[in-house]
Structures are given as structure tokens and as C-alpha cells.
Amino acid sequence: MHIEIDGRPVTDESLRTPAFVNYGHFTAMQVRKGRVRGLGLHLDRLDSATRELFGSGLDGEHVRALVRHALDGAGVRDAATRVYVHRPDGDETTTVMVTVRPPAVMPEAPQSLMSVPYERPVPHIKHLGGFGQIYYGKAAQRAGFDSALLTGPGGVIAEGAATNIAFWDGTSVAWPDAPALLGTTMALIEPLLPSVRRRVALEDLPSYRAAFVTNSQGIAPVRRIDDTEFAVDAELMKTVARVYDAVPWDEI
């Protein structure tokens, strides 16, 4: 992993805040040939969350320059890149940490999800401190599932542990109308599909024909949630993939 903070190589001192302060936020991007799908959404996310958490914005051009610098420092054009925003106690300015790792792709195999009684706090922000998501995600894996599905009171479905989820009723793609993070991939493809927002609870699952999950790594079908089996709708997944593939890549 290549790490830079405010465009400089990390030191023990500069890592003190990221290591010990869990108040902050981030965005995760897949970079290919120095480009990102939905770059504007990532920059808007960082700016709005910085305003809410710290009371001032974060300039998108500054972020782009830091990401370009980190990619150049790592000597790569394809990467899984994250941008973390902190503000050390007593400081009036934020620090921006950029990490660069090898590219990642969503596994193509249909996923199995275990529902868990957990909702992320302040879910509209991609914040740090995802203990609950990690805890339940590992519990799901120990139980033989791929990941966890986060639900609220009454089994109302919100999101995956690290994904958004959508359901296909044969006519519409239904995105759960519950507090959740609006992922960039969801934000890019939702307007391009016959989408609706509606309440979806665990008891409603048998009424849906198929499901899929999305995140910055891509899209994958869902084959099972708890004991409810879903067929992989090949035509639906072709349509979703075609829509996603048509989304333009933005130069960083």
C-alpha cells in the first residue's frame, strides 16, 4: 500500500491522528487509467461530509491533485484508492490521507447474505468506525454466508455491510427506502434503470424474483438471503451491467 497525507509521505507523527482518532470520513474509488466513474459524486460526498463533520468544505480540485500525486507516487494508473478526511483535535484545517492499493473487482459469483439486526449510525455519511459492519460481516462468514445484510426494526432492509442492495419484481428495480449510504454505483445506475424506492422487509423477500448488490467494486447478483433463495436473472444482470458499463469515466 502507498499512503500519503496532504501530498507527503507518511511519518510516525502524521499517522498519529488516523491511527487513534476514529472521527472522520472517506470515499473509496476504483481507478482505471487514471480515471474514475462518478468522480463528481465522490468529490461531492467528501465536501458535504466535511462540512457536516467539521464545519467547512473540502475543495474538489485539491482532492483531485492529492489523488493524482499519490497515484504518481505509487507509479500506477490502475488502483483501488481511498481518500480519508480527518481533523486533528485543536486544528482548524482538515488533513487528507490518500491510500493506493492494487485494483479490486466485485466477485462475479452470486452472493449469499445473512440478515442481522443492525443499522449504521449516521448512515448517510461514509464515516469511519465501522465496527458493527465488520463484526456482523465476519459473523455472516462464519455462518457460511458471503456477507451481512443490515436491517432495522421489523426486519426492514437498509443495505449490505459494504454494499447497496436492490430487488427485482419483474417490472421495477426496488431500492430499499430506509436510512442507508447512497453508494456511488447505486447513484450512477439508479436513474438509468426502471427504479423505485420502497420499503422492503425480510418478510417481503419471497415476492421478489431476483436481487443484486452494488458498491465501488462493481455489481453482483444475490442467490440467497437467509433461507430465501433467488434465481440469478441473466437478462436483468445483463441490463444492469450494460447500464453500468455505459457510465463514463472521469479523468482525475
C-alpha atoms as a PDB file:
ATOM      1  CA  MET A   1       0.000   0.000   0.000  1.00  0.00           C
ATOM      2  CA  HIS A   2       1.170   3.525  -0.835  1.00  0.00           C
ATOM      3  CA  ILE A   3       0.000   6.201   1.623  1.00  0.00           C
ATOM      4  CA  GLU A   4       0.278   9.975   1.506  1.00  0.00           C
ATOM      5  CA  ILE A   5      -1.121  12.595   3.883  1.00  0.00           C
ATOM      6  CA  ASP A   6      -1.657  16.053   2.393  1.00  0.00           C
ATOM      7  CA  GLY A   7       0.556  15.044  -0.520  1.00  0.00           C
ATOM      8  CA  ARG A   8       3.522  13.972   1.620  1.00  0.00           C
ATOM      9  CA  PRO A   9       4.871  10.537   2.553  1.00  0.00           C
ATOM     10  CA  VAL A  10       3.552   9.348   5.892  1.00  0.00           C
ATOM     11  CA  THR A  11       5.604   9.575   9.056  1.00  0.00           C
ATOM     12  CA  ASP A  12       5.022   8.197  12.531  1.00  0.00           C
ATOM     13  CA  GLU A  13       3.840  11.654  13.594  1.00  0.00           C
ATOM     14  CA  SER A  14       1.447  12.147  10.659  1.00  0.00           C
ATOM     15  CA  LEU A  15      -0.101   8.711  11.247  1.00  0.00           C
ATOM     16  CA  ARG A  16      -0.944   9.530  14.850  1.00  0.00           C
ATOM     17  CA  THR A  17      -4.360  11.024  14.042  1.00  0.00           C
ATOM     18  CA  PRO A  18      -5.508   8.309  11.582  1.00  0.00           C
ATOM     19  CA  ALA A  19      -4.302   5.631  13.994  1.00  0.00           C
ATOM     20  CA  PHE A  20      -6.004   6.920  17.125  1.00  0.00           C
ATOM     21  CA  VAL A  21      -8.853   9.223  16.055  1.00  0.00           C
ATOM     22  CA  ASN A  22     -11.915   7.442  14.725  1.00  0.00           C
ATOM     23  CA  TYR A  23     -13.850  10.588  13.837  1.00  0.00           C
ATOM     24  CA  GLY A  24     -13.721  11.217  10.130  1.00  0.00           C
ATOM     25  CA  HIS A  25     -14.998  10.021   6.779  1.00  0.00           C
ATOM     26  CA  PHE A  26     -13.793   8.663   3.459  1.00  0.00           C
ATOM     27  CA  THR A  27     -14.662   7.605  -0.054  1.00  0.00           C
ATOM     28  CA  ALA A  28     -13.463   4.558  -1.984  1.00  0.00           C
ATOM     29  CA  MET A  29     -12.759   4.682  -5.714  1.00  0.00           C
ATOM     30  CA  GLN A  30     -11.688   2.229  -8.373  1.00  0.00           C
ATOM     31  CA  VAL A  31      -9.206   3.967 -10.664  1.00  0.00           C
ATOM     32  CA  ARG A  32      -8.536   2.718 -14.181  1.00  0.00           C
ATOM     33  CA  LYS A  33      -6.075   4.518 -16.497  1.00  0.00           C
ATOM     34  CA  GLY A  34      -6.187   7.484 -14.151  1.00  0.00           C
ATOM     35  CA  ARG A  35      -9.963   7.765 -14.390  1.00  0.00           C
ATOM     36  CA  VAL A  36     -12.898   7.129 -12.045  1.00  0.00           C
ATOM     37  CA  ARG A  37     -16.594   6.520 -12.598  1.00  0.00           C
ATOM     38  CA  GLY A  38     -18.682   9.191 -10.869  1.00  0.00           C
ATOM     39  CA  LEU A  39     -15.754  11.330  -9.766  1.00  0.00           C
ATOM     40  CA  GLY A  40     -18.079  14.266  -9.124  1.00  0.00           C
ATOM     41  CA  LEU A  41     -20.154  12.132  -6.742  1.00  0.00           C
ATOM     42  CA  HIS A  42     -17.045  11.189  -4.783  1.00  0.00           C
ATOM     43  CA  LEU A  43     -15.931  14.803  -4.527  1.00  0.00           C
ATOM     44  CA  ASP A  44     -19.413  15.976  -3.513  1.00  0.00           C
ATOM     45  CA  ARG A  45     -19.535  13.254  -0.860  1.00  0.00           C
ATOM     46  CA  LEU A  46     -16.218  14.369   0.602  1.00  0.00           C
ATOM     47  CA  ASP A  47     -17.206  18.041   0.571  1.00  0.00           C
ATOM     48  CA  SER A  48     -20.646  17.590   2.143  1.00  0.00           C
ATOM     49  CA  ALA A  49     -19.409  15.205   4.834  1.00  0.00           C
ATOM     50  CA  THR A  50     -16.522  17.532   5.698  1.00  0.00           C
ATOM     51  CA  ARG A  51     -18.992  20.397   6.066  1.00  0.00           C
ATOM     52  CA  GLU A  52     -21.245  18.336   8.326  1.00  0.00           C
ATOM     53  CA  LEU A  53     -18.481  16.877  10.484  1.00  0.00           C
ATOM     54  CA  PHE A  54     -16.060  19.802  10.626  1.00  0.00           C
ATOM     55  CA  GLY A  55     -17.970  22.925   9.618  1.00  0.00           C
ATOM     56  CA  SER A  56     -16.094  23.765   6.421  1.00  0.00           C
ATOM     57  CA  GLY A  57     -15.900  22.333   2.928  1.00  0.00           C
ATOM     58  CA  LEU A  58     -13.238  20.416   1.045  1.00  0.00           C
ATOM     59  CA  ASP A  59     -12.159  21.689  -2.364  1.00  0.00           C
ATOM     60  CA  GLY A  60     -12.584  19.068  -5.064  1.00  0.00           C
ATOM     61  CA  GLU A  61      -9.662  20.262  -7.152  1.00  0.00           C
ATOM     62  CA  HIS A  62      -7.411  19.926  -4.111  1.00  0.00           C
ATOM     63  CA  VAL A  63      -8.585  16.341  -3.633  1.00  0.00           C
ATOM     64  CA  ARG A  64      -8.001  15.532  -7.292  1.00  0.00           C
ATOM     65  CA  ALA A  65      -4.464  16.903  -7.089  1.00  0.00           C
ATOM     66  CA  LEU A  66      -3.740  14.799  -3.995  1.00  0.00           C
ATOM     67  CA  VAL A  67      -5.076  11.632  -5.640  1.00  0.00           C
ATOM     68  CA  ARG A  68      -3.039  12.258  -8.802  1.00  0.00           C
ATOM     69  CA  HIS A  69       0.047  12.843  -6.674  1.00  0.00           C
ATOM     70  CA  ALA A  70      -0.485   9.598  -4.750  1.00  0.00           C
ATOM     71  CA  LEU A  71      -1.009   7.603  -7.950  1.00  0.00           C
ATOM     72  CA  ASP A  72       2.171   9.093  -9.384  1.00  0.00           C
ATOM     73  CA  GLY A  73       3.990   8.297  -6.150  1.00  0.00           C
ATOM     74  CA  ALA A  74       2.850   4.682  -6.358  1.00  0.00           C
ATOM     75  CA  GLY A  75       3.750   4.586 -10.051  1.00  0.00           C
ATOM     76  CA  VAL A  76       0.347   3.230 -11.100  1.00  0.00           C
ATOM     77  CA  ARG A  77      -2.665   4.248 -13.172  1.00  0.00           C
ATOM     78  CA  ASP A  78      -4.951   1.412 -12.057  1.00  0.00           C
ATOM     79  CA  ALA A  79      -5.710   1.179  -8.344  1.00  0.00           C
ATOM     80  CA  ALA A  80      -8.162   0.893  -5.500  1.00  0.00           C
ATOM     81  CA  THR A  81      -7.877   4.347  -3.953  1.00  0.00           C
ATOM     82  CA  ARG A  82      -9.365   5.733  -0.778  1.00  0.00           C
ATOM     83  CA  VAL A  83      -9.493   9.329   0.408  1.00  0.00           C
ATOM     84  CA  TYR A  84      -9.782   9.797   4.185  1.00  0.00           C
ATOM     85  CA  VAL A  85     -10.577  13.099   5.863  1.00  0.00           C
ATOM     86  CA  HIS A  86      -9.660  13.885   9.478  1.00  0.00           C
ATOM     87  CA  ARG A  87      -9.241  16.995  11.569  1.00  0.00           C
ATOM     88  CA  PRO A  88      -6.801  16.617  14.462  1.00  0.00           C
ATOM     89  CA  ASP A  89      -8.013  17.991  17.770  1.00  0.00           C
ATOM     90  CA  GLY A  90      -7.173  21.669  18.088  1.00  0.00           C
ATOM     91  CA  ASP A  91      -6.525  22.168  14.375  1.00  0.00           C
ATOM     92  CA  GLU A  92      -8.629  24.388  12.142  1.00  0.00           C
ATOM     93  CA  THR A  93      -7.797  22.569   8.916  1.00  0.00           C
ATOM     94  CA  THR A  94      -8.528  19.053   7.778  1.00  0.00           C
ATOM     95  CA  THR A  95      -5.963  16.502   6.725  1.00  0.00           C
ATOM     96  CA  VAL A  96      -6.481  14.346   3.648  1.00  0.00           C
ATOM     97  CA  MET A  97      -4.972  10.891   3.519  1.00  0.00           C
ATOM     98  CA  VAL A  98      -4.868   9.008   0.205  1.00  0.00           C
ATOM     99  CA  THR A  99      -4.189   5.282   0.068  1.00  0.00           C
ATOM    100  CA  VAL A 100      -3.349   3.396  -3.115  1.00  0.00           C
ATOM    101  CA  ARG A 101      -3.732  -0.374  -3.371  1.00  0.00           C
ATOM    102  CA  PRO A 102      -3.987  -2.846  -6.264  1.00  0.00           C
ATOM    103  CA  PRO A 103      -7.285  -2.670  -8.190  1.00  0.00           C
ATOM    104  CA  ALA A 104     -10.259  -4.623  -6.845  1.00  0.00           C
ATOM    105  CA  VAL A 105     -13.265  -6.109  -8.641  1.00  0.00           C
ATOM    106  CA  MET A 106     -16.539  -7.380  -7.231  1.00  0.00           C
ATOM    107  CA  PRO A 107     -16.526 -11.209  -7.217  1.00  0.00           C
ATOM    108  CA  GLU A 108     -18.709 -12.496 -10.051  1.00  0.00           C
ATOM    109  CA  ALA A 109     -20.167 -15.406  -8.064  1.00  0.00           C
ATOM    110  CA  PRO A 110     -23.725 -14.853  -6.786  1.00  0.00           C
ATOM    111  CA  GLN A 111     -23.651 -13.819  -3.152  1.00  0.00           C
ATOM    112  CA  SER A 112     -25.366 -15.157  -0.060  1.00  0.00           C
ATOM    113  CA  LEU A 113     -26.334 -12.705   2.680  1.00  0.00           C
ATOM    114  CA  MET A 114     -27.261 -13.210   6.320  1.00  0.00           C
ATOM    115  CA  SER A 115     -29.661 -10.652   7.760  1.00  0.00           C
ATOM    116  CA  VAL A 116     -28.519  -9.014  11.009  1.00  0.00           C
ATOM    117  CA  PRO A 117     -30.274  -6.577  13.374  1.00  0.00           C
ATOM    118  CA  TYR A 118     -28.006  -3.588  12.827  1.00  0.00           C
ATOM    119  CA  GLU A 119     -28.245  -0.142  11.231  1.00  0.00           C
ATOM    120  CA  ARG A 120     -25.221   2.093  10.735  1.00  0.00           C
ATOM    121  CA  PRO A 121     -25.259   5.305  12.810  1.00  0.00           C
ATOM    122  CA  VAL A 122     -25.430   8.481  10.692  1.00  0.00           C
ATOM    123  CA  PRO A 123     -25.875   6.225   7.645  1.00  0.00           C
ATOM    124  CA  HIS A 124     -25.804   8.972   5.013  1.00  0.00           C
ATOM    125  CA  ILE A 125     -22.109   9.567   5.754  1.00  0.00           C
ATOM    126  CA  LYS A 126     -19.385   7.108   4.769  1.00  0.00           C
ATOM    127  CA  HIS A 127     -17.786   7.507   8.159  1.00  0.00           C
ATOM    128  CA  LEU A 128     -15.009   5.722   9.970  1.00  0.00           C
ATOM    129  CA  GLY A 129     -15.575   3.308  12.786  1.00  0.00           C
ATOM    130  CA  GLY A 130     -17.453   0.515  11.029  1.00  0.00           C
ATOM    131  CA  PHE A 131     -17.110  -1.962  13.908  1.00  0.00           C
ATOM    132  CA  GLY A 132     -20.697  -3.174  13.601  1.00  0.00           C
ATOM    133  CA  GLN A 133     -20.391  -3.828   9.876  1.00  0.00           C
ATOM    134  CA  ILE A 134     -17.133  -5.737  10.347  1.00  0.00           C
ATOM    135  CA  TYR A 135     -18.469  -7.661  13.338  1.00  0.00           C
ATOM    136  CA  TYR A 136     -21.623  -8.797  11.588  1.00  0.00           C
ATOM    137  CA  GLY A 137     -19.823  -9.369   8.304  1.00  0.00           C
ATOM    138  CA  LYS A 138     -17.429 -11.794   9.972  1.00  0.00           C
ATOM    139  CA  ALA A 139     -20.307 -13.440  11.829  1.00  0.00           C
ATOM    140  CA  ALA A 140     -22.057 -13.980   8.495  1.00  0.00           C
ATOM    141  CA  GLN A 141     -18.929 -15.541   7.009  1.00  0.00           C
ATOM    142  CA  ARG A 142     -18.549 -17.871   9.981  1.00  0.00           C
ATOM    143  CA  ALA A 143     -22.149 -18.957   9.388  1.00  0.00           C
ATOM    144  CA  GLY A 144     -21.369 -19.822   5.774  1.00  0.00           C
ATOM    145  CA  PHE A 145     -22.564 -16.626   4.065  1.00  0.00           C
ATOM    146  CA  ASP A 146     -20.604 -14.175   1.962  1.00  0.00           C
ATOM    147  CA  SER A 147     -21.620 -11.069   3.882  1.00  0.00           C
ATOM    148  CA  ALA A 148     -24.239  -9.434   6.093  1.00  0.00           C
ATOM    149  CA  LEU A 149     -27.477  -7.617   5.265  1.00  0.00           C
ATOM    150  CA  LEU A 150     -28.251  -4.775   7.664  1.00  0.00           C
ATOM    151  CA  THR A 151     -31.832  -4.494   8.896  1.00  0.00           C
ATOM    152  CA  GLY A 152     -33.802  -2.297  11.266  1.00  0.00           C
ATOM    153  CA  PRO A 153     -36.860  -2.867  13.478  1.00  0.00           C
ATOM    154  CA  GLY A 154     -39.408  -5.183  11.904  1.00  0.00           C
ATOM    155  CA  GLY A 155     -36.782  -6.661   9.608  1.00  0.00           C
ATOM    156  CA  VAL A 156     -36.760  -3.592   7.367  1.00  0.00           C
ATOM    157  CA  ILE A 157     -33.824  -3.907   4.966  1.00  0.00           C
ATOM    158  CA  ALA A 158     -31.418  -0.975   4.700  1.00  0.00           C
ATOM    159  CA  GLU A 159     -28.175  -2.004   2.962  1.00  0.00           C
ATOM    160  CA  GLY A 160     -25.434  -4.585   2.870  1.00  0.00           C
ATOM    161  CA  ALA A 161     -22.451  -4.435   5.188  1.00  0.00           C
ATOM    162  CA  ALA A 162     -20.447  -2.788   2.393  1.00  0.00           C
ATOM    163  CA  THR A 163     -22.976  -2.572  -0.429  1.00  0.00           C
ATOM    164  CA  ASN A 164     -26.300  -1.231  -1.550  1.00  0.00           C
ATOM    165  CA  ILE A 165     -28.911  -3.821  -2.464  1.00  0.00           C
ATOM    166  CA  ALA A 166     -31.747  -3.821  -4.985  1.00  0.00           C
ATOM    167  CA  PHE A 167     -34.608  -6.195  -5.708  1.00  0.00           C
ATOM    168  CA  TRP A 168     -36.301  -7.099  -8.995  1.00  0.00           C
ATOM    169  CA  ASP A 169     -40.058  -7.691  -9.058  1.00  0.00           C
ATOM    170  CA  GLY A 170     -40.255  -8.361 -12.794  1.00  0.00           C
ATOM    171  CA  THR A 171     -41.091  -4.767 -13.631  1.00  0.00           C
ATOM    172  CA  SER A 172     -39.075  -2.471 -11.382  1.00  0.00           C
ATOM    173  CA  VAL A 173     -35.771  -2.400  -9.575  1.00  0.00           C
ATOM    174  CA  ALA A 174     -36.733  -1.698  -5.955  1.00  0.00           C
ATOM    175  CA  TRP A 175     -34.142   0.044  -3.785  1.00  0.00           C
ATOM    176  CA  PRO A 176     -34.915  -0.123  -0.034  1.00  0.00           C
ATOM    177  CA  ASP A 177     -36.444   3.089   1.245  1.00  0.00           C
ATOM    178  CA  ALA A 178     -34.575   3.061   4.543  1.00  0.00           C
ATOM    179  CA  PRO A 179     -31.703   5.063   6.064  1.00  0.00           C
ATOM    180  CA  ALA A 180     -28.557   3.976   4.202  1.00  0.00           C
ATOM    181  CA  LEU A 181     -25.491   5.293   2.444  1.00  0.00           C
ATOM    182  CA  LEU A 182     -26.107   6.299  -1.153  1.00  0.00           C
ATOM    183  CA  GLY A 183     -23.231   4.473  -2.805  1.00  0.00           C
ATOM    184  CA  THR A 184     -21.706   5.969  -5.926  1.00  0.00           C
ATOM    185  CA  THR A 185     -22.522   2.939  -8.079  1.00  0.00           C
ATOM    186  CA  MET A 186     -26.125   2.997  -6.918  1.00  0.00           C
ATOM    187  CA  ALA A 187     -26.306   6.746  -7.568  1.00  0.00           C
ATOM    188  CA  LEU A 188     -24.966   6.238 -11.091  1.00  0.00           C
ATOM    189  CA  ILE A 189     -27.264   3.415 -12.198  1.00  0.00           C
ATOM    190  CA  GLU A 190     -30.480   4.063 -10.262  1.00  0.00           C
ATOM    191  CA  PRO A 191     -31.695   6.840 -12.615  1.00  0.00           C
ATOM    192  CA  LEU A 192     -30.877   4.685 -15.660  1.00  0.00           C
ATOM    193  CA  LEU A 193     -32.959   1.685 -14.592  1.00  0.00           C
ATOM    194  CA  PRO A 194     -36.735   1.336 -14.036  1.00  0.00           C
ATOM    195  CA  SER A 195     -36.142   2.134 -10.370  1.00  0.00           C
ATOM    196  CA  VAL A 196     -38.443   2.714  -7.423  1.00  0.00           C
ATOM    197  CA  ARG A 197     -37.787   3.346  -3.749  1.00  0.00           C
ATOM    198  CA  ARG A 198     -39.963   1.331  -1.402  1.00  0.00           C
ATOM    199  CA  ARG A 199     -39.979  -0.286   1.997  1.00  0.00           C
ATOM    200  CA  VAL A 200     -38.571  -3.799   1.732  1.00  0.00           C
ATOM    201  CA  ALA A 201     -38.677  -6.108   4.737  1.00  0.00           C
ATOM    202  CA  LEU A 202     -37.417  -9.644   5.206  1.00  0.00           C
ATOM    203  CA  GLU A 203     -40.982 -10.907   5.080  1.00  0.00           C
ATOM    204  CA  ASP A 204     -41.327  -9.407   1.576  1.00  0.00           C
ATOM    205  CA  LEU A 205     -38.409 -11.315   0.063  1.00  0.00           C
ATOM    206  CA  PRO A 206     -40.443 -14.196  -1.443  1.00  0.00           C
ATOM    207  CA  SER A 207     -42.326 -11.654  -3.597  1.00  0.00           C
ATOM    208  CA  TYR A 208     -39.150 -10.675  -5.479  1.00  0.00           C
ATOM    209  CA  ARG A 209     -37.690 -12.594  -8.393  1.00  0.00           C
ATOM    210  CA  ALA A 210     -34.059 -11.529  -8.081  1.00  0.00           C
ATOM    211  CA  ALA A 211     -31.662  -9.267  -6.218  1.00  0.00           C
ATOM    212  CA  PHE A 212     -28.235  -7.747  -6.692  1.00  0.00           C
ATOM    213  CA  VAL A 213     -25.699  -5.694  -4.739  1.00  0.00           C
ATOM    214  CA  THR A 214     -23.545  -2.750  -5.778  1.00  0.00           C
ATOM    215  CA  ASN A 215     -20.502  -0.906  -4.498  1.00  0.00           C
ATOM    216  CA  SER A 216     -17.420   0.822  -5.897  1.00  0.00           C
ATOM    217  CA  GLN A 217     -16.018  -2.536  -6.983  1.00  0.00           C
ATOM    218  CA  GLY A 218     -18.991  -3.312  -9.217  1.00  0.00           C
ATOM    219  CA  ILE A 219     -22.211  -5.326  -9.243  1.00  0.00           C
ATOM    220  CA  ALA A 220     -23.050  -8.921  -8.304  1.00  0.00           C
ATOM    221  CA  PRO A 221     -26.247 -10.999  -8.174  1.00  0.00           C
ATOM    222  CA  VAL A 222     -27.608 -12.348  -4.897  1.00  0.00           C
ATOM    223  CA  ARG A 223     -28.524 -16.008  -4.692  1.00  0.00           C
ATOM    224  CA  ARG A 224     -29.726 -16.248  -1.099  1.00  0.00           C
ATOM    225  CA  ILE A 225     -30.793 -14.130   1.850  1.00  0.00           C
ATOM    226  CA  ASP A 226     -31.135 -16.272   4.965  1.00  0.00           C
ATOM    227  CA  ASP A 227     -33.366 -19.159   3.798  1.00  0.00           C
ATOM    228  CA  THR A 228     -34.848 -17.319   0.802  1.00  0.00           C
ATOM    229  CA  GLU A 229     -33.325 -18.441  -2.495  1.00  0.00           C
ATOM    230  CA  PHE A 230     -33.137 -16.189  -5.549  1.00  0.00           C
ATOM    231  CA  ALA A 231     -32.614 -17.251  -9.125  1.00  0.00           C
ATOM    232  CA  VAL A 232     -29.953 -15.303 -10.999  1.00  0.00           C
ATOM    233  CA  ASP A 233     -31.895 -13.385 -13.645  1.00  0.00           C
ATOM    234  CA  ALA A 234     -29.442 -13.358 -16.530  1.00  0.00           C
ATOM    235  CA  GLU A 235     -31.361 -10.755 -18.522  1.00  0.00           C
ATOM    236  CA  LEU A 236     -31.613  -8.422 -15.542  1.00  0.00           C
ATOM    237  CA  MET A 237     -27.900  -8.712 -14.835  1.00  0.00           C
ATOM    238  CA  LYS A 238     -27.071  -8.086 -18.499  1.00  0.00           C
ATOM    239  CA  THR A 239     -29.189  -4.945 -18.401  1.00  0.00           C
ATOM    240  CA  VAL A 240     -27.628  -3.696 -15.176  1.00  0.00           C
ATOM    241  CA  ALA A 241     -24.126  -4.464 -16.472  1.00  0.00           C
ATOM    242  CA  ARG A 242     -24.834  -2.682 -19.754  1.00  0.00           C
ATOM    243  CA  VAL A 243     -26.069   0.408 -17.924  1.00  0.00           C
ATOM    244  CA  TYR A 244     -23.068   0.393 -15.611  1.00  0.00           C
ATOM    245  CA  ASP A 245     -20.581  -0.151 -18.429  1.00  0.00           C
ATOM    246  CA  ALA A 246     -22.040   2.854 -20.267  1.00  0.00           C
ATOM    247  CA  VAL A 247     -21.267   5.217 -17.372  1.00  0.00           C
ATOM    248  CA  PRO A 248     -18.388   7.456 -18.475  1.00  0.00           C
ATOM    249  CA  TRP A 249     -15.020   7.502 -16.723  1.00  0.00           C
ATOM    250  CA  ASP A 250     -13.853  10.891 -15.443  1.00  0.00           C
ATOM    251  CA  GLU A 251     -10.226  11.998 -15.569  1.00  0.00           C
ATOM    252  CA  ILE A 252      -8.848  12.616 -12.105  1.00  0.00           C
END
